[in-house]
Each structure stands twice: as C-alpha cells, then as structure tokens.
Amino acid sequence: MKLLSVGVILFSMNLMADDFQARKSKWSANLDNKISDLQKTKSCVDAATDHEALKKCQKDRKETFKEARKERKERFKNKRTKDKTKKSQS
C-alpha cells in the first residue's frame, strides 16, 4: 500500500513539473513576442522624421496590440469552452 501511495505521489509530482515547464515555456514565448512588438515600435519611432511618421507608428502599434488582444480573448474563449466540455463529460 505504501509503495502504491509513493508511486501516485511521484506520478503527480511529475505531471505538475511537466505542467510547470509547459506554462513557463508559453509565458516566455509570449514575453518574446511582446518584446519583439515593442522593438518594432521603437525602431519606427527612432526612424520617424516628422509628426505624420510618429502618428503612423502609433497607429501601427495600436493595431498590433489590438490583434494580440483579440488572439488572447480567442484563446481564453477556447480554453473556457474546452474546460466546460471536460466538466460535462465527467
């Protein structure tokens, strides 16, 4: 019985570690994407020579972040749908 308990605990710990690594990796990738978007905006601002060019940088930045926000909402919506499906199957 003790051996079974130890096995279950070790198995659970392994699943938690895998989940941690997956979440860490996803978070790191998201940060890389945000940094890349900010660097593009900074390059645009640095290259701007007049007010109109700055306005274009701002417009591009807003569009980029709007798209990212839309993607996040879609992922969240899909995750909630998936979670509801799992609960209804249980």
Protein backbone atom coordinates (compact mmCIF):
# COMPACT_ATOMS: atom_id res chain seq x y z
CA MET A 1 0.00 0.00 0.00
CA LYS A 2 2.83 2.39 0.85
CA LEU A 3 4.50 1.64 -2.46
CA LEU A 4 1.31 2.49 -4.33
CA SER A 5 0.95 5.76 -2.41
CA VAL A 6 4.55 6.73 -3.15
CA GLY A 7 4.04 5.86 -6.82
CA VAL A 8 0.92 8.02 -7.04
CA ILE A 9 2.68 10.95 -5.36
CA LEU A 10 5.70 10.68 -7.67
CA PHE A 11 3.44 10.45 -10.72
CA SER A 12 1.52 13.56 -9.57
CA MET A 13 4.74 15.47 -8.97
CA ASN A 14 5.95 14.57 -12.46
CA LEU A 15 2.70 15.84 -14.00
CA MET A 16 2.99 19.07 -12.04
CA ALA A 17 6.59 19.54 -13.22
CA ASP A 18 5.56 18.95 -16.85
CA ASP A 19 2.71 21.44 -16.46
CA PHE A 20 5.09 23.97 -14.92
CA GLN A 21 7.56 23.62 -17.79
CA ALA A 22 4.80 23.99 -20.37
CA ARG A 23 3.40 27.10 -18.68
CA LYS A 24 6.88 28.56 -18.25
CA SER A 25 7.70 27.96 -21.90
CA LYS A 26 4.43 29.51 -23.08
CA TRP A 27 4.90 32.55 -20.85
CA SER A 28 8.46 33.03 -22.09
CA ALA A 29 7.31 32.84 -25.72
CA ASN A 30 4.59 35.42 -25.04
CA LEU A 31 7.15 37.76 -23.48
CA ASP A 32 9.42 37.34 -26.51
CA ASN A 33 6.52 38.29 -28.78
CA LYS A 34 5.73 41.40 -26.71
CA ILE A 35 9.37 42.45 -26.67
CA SER A 36 9.58 41.99 -30.44
CA ASP A 37 6.48 44.13 -30.97
CA LEU A 38 7.87 46.85 -28.71
CA GLN A 39 11.22 46.78 -30.53
CA LYS A 40 9.43 47.23 -33.87
CA THR A 41 7.57 50.22 -32.44
CA LYS A 42 10.79 51.71 -31.06
CA SER A 43 12.51 51.30 -34.43
CA CYS A 44 9.59 53.05 -36.11
CA VAL A 45 9.75 55.93 -33.62
CA ASP A 46 13.52 56.23 -33.97
CA ALA A 47 13.19 56.34 -37.77
CA ALA A 48 10.36 58.90 -37.74
CA THR A 49 11.34 62.29 -39.15
CA ASP A 50 8.07 64.16 -38.72
CA HIS A 51 4.76 64.22 -36.87
CA GLU A 52 2.96 62.16 -39.53
CA ALA A 53 5.54 59.39 -39.26
CA LEU A 54 5.06 59.29 -35.47
CA LYS A 55 1.30 59.09 -35.92
CA LYS A 56 1.81 56.12 -38.26
CA CYS A 57 3.98 54.41 -35.62
CA GLN A 58 1.25 54.94 -33.04
CA LYS A 59 -1.43 53.62 -35.40
CA ASP A 60 0.67 50.53 -36.22
CA ARG A 61 1.30 49.91 -32.52
CA LYS A 62 -2.40 50.13 -31.72
CA GLU A 63 -3.21 47.66 -34.49
CA THR A 64 -0.53 45.23 -33.32
CA PHE A 65 -1.75 45.31 -29.73
CA LYS A 66 -5.39 45.11 -30.83
CA GLU A 67 -4.59 41.94 -32.78
CA ALA A 68 -2.73 40.47 -29.80
CA ARG A 69 -5.64 41.29 -27.50
CA LYS A 70 -8.06 39.64 -29.95
CA GLU A 71 -5.88 36.50 -30.06
CA ARG A 72 -5.74 36.37 -26.24
CA LYS A 73 -9.52 36.68 -26.00
CA GLU A 74 -9.95 33.90 -28.55
CA ARG A 75 -7.52 31.61 -26.67
CA PHE A 76 -9.32 32.33 -23.40
CA LYS A 77 -12.69 31.65 -25.02
CA ASN A 78 -11.42 28.36 -26.45
CA LYS A 79 -9.94 27.35 -23.10
CA ARG A 80 -13.23 28.06 -21.30
CA THR A 81 -15.14 26.05 -23.90
CA LYS A 82 -12.69 23.18 -23.51
CA ASP A 83 -12.99 23.32 -19.69
CA LYS A 84 -16.80 23.28 -19.87
CA THR A 85 -16.67 20.28 -22.20
CA LYS A 86 -14.42 18.40 -19.76
CA LYS A 87 -16.74 19.16 -16.85
CA SER A 88 -19.82 17.99 -18.74
CA GLN A 89 -18.08 14.73 -19.68
CA SER A 90 -17.16 13.98 -16.07
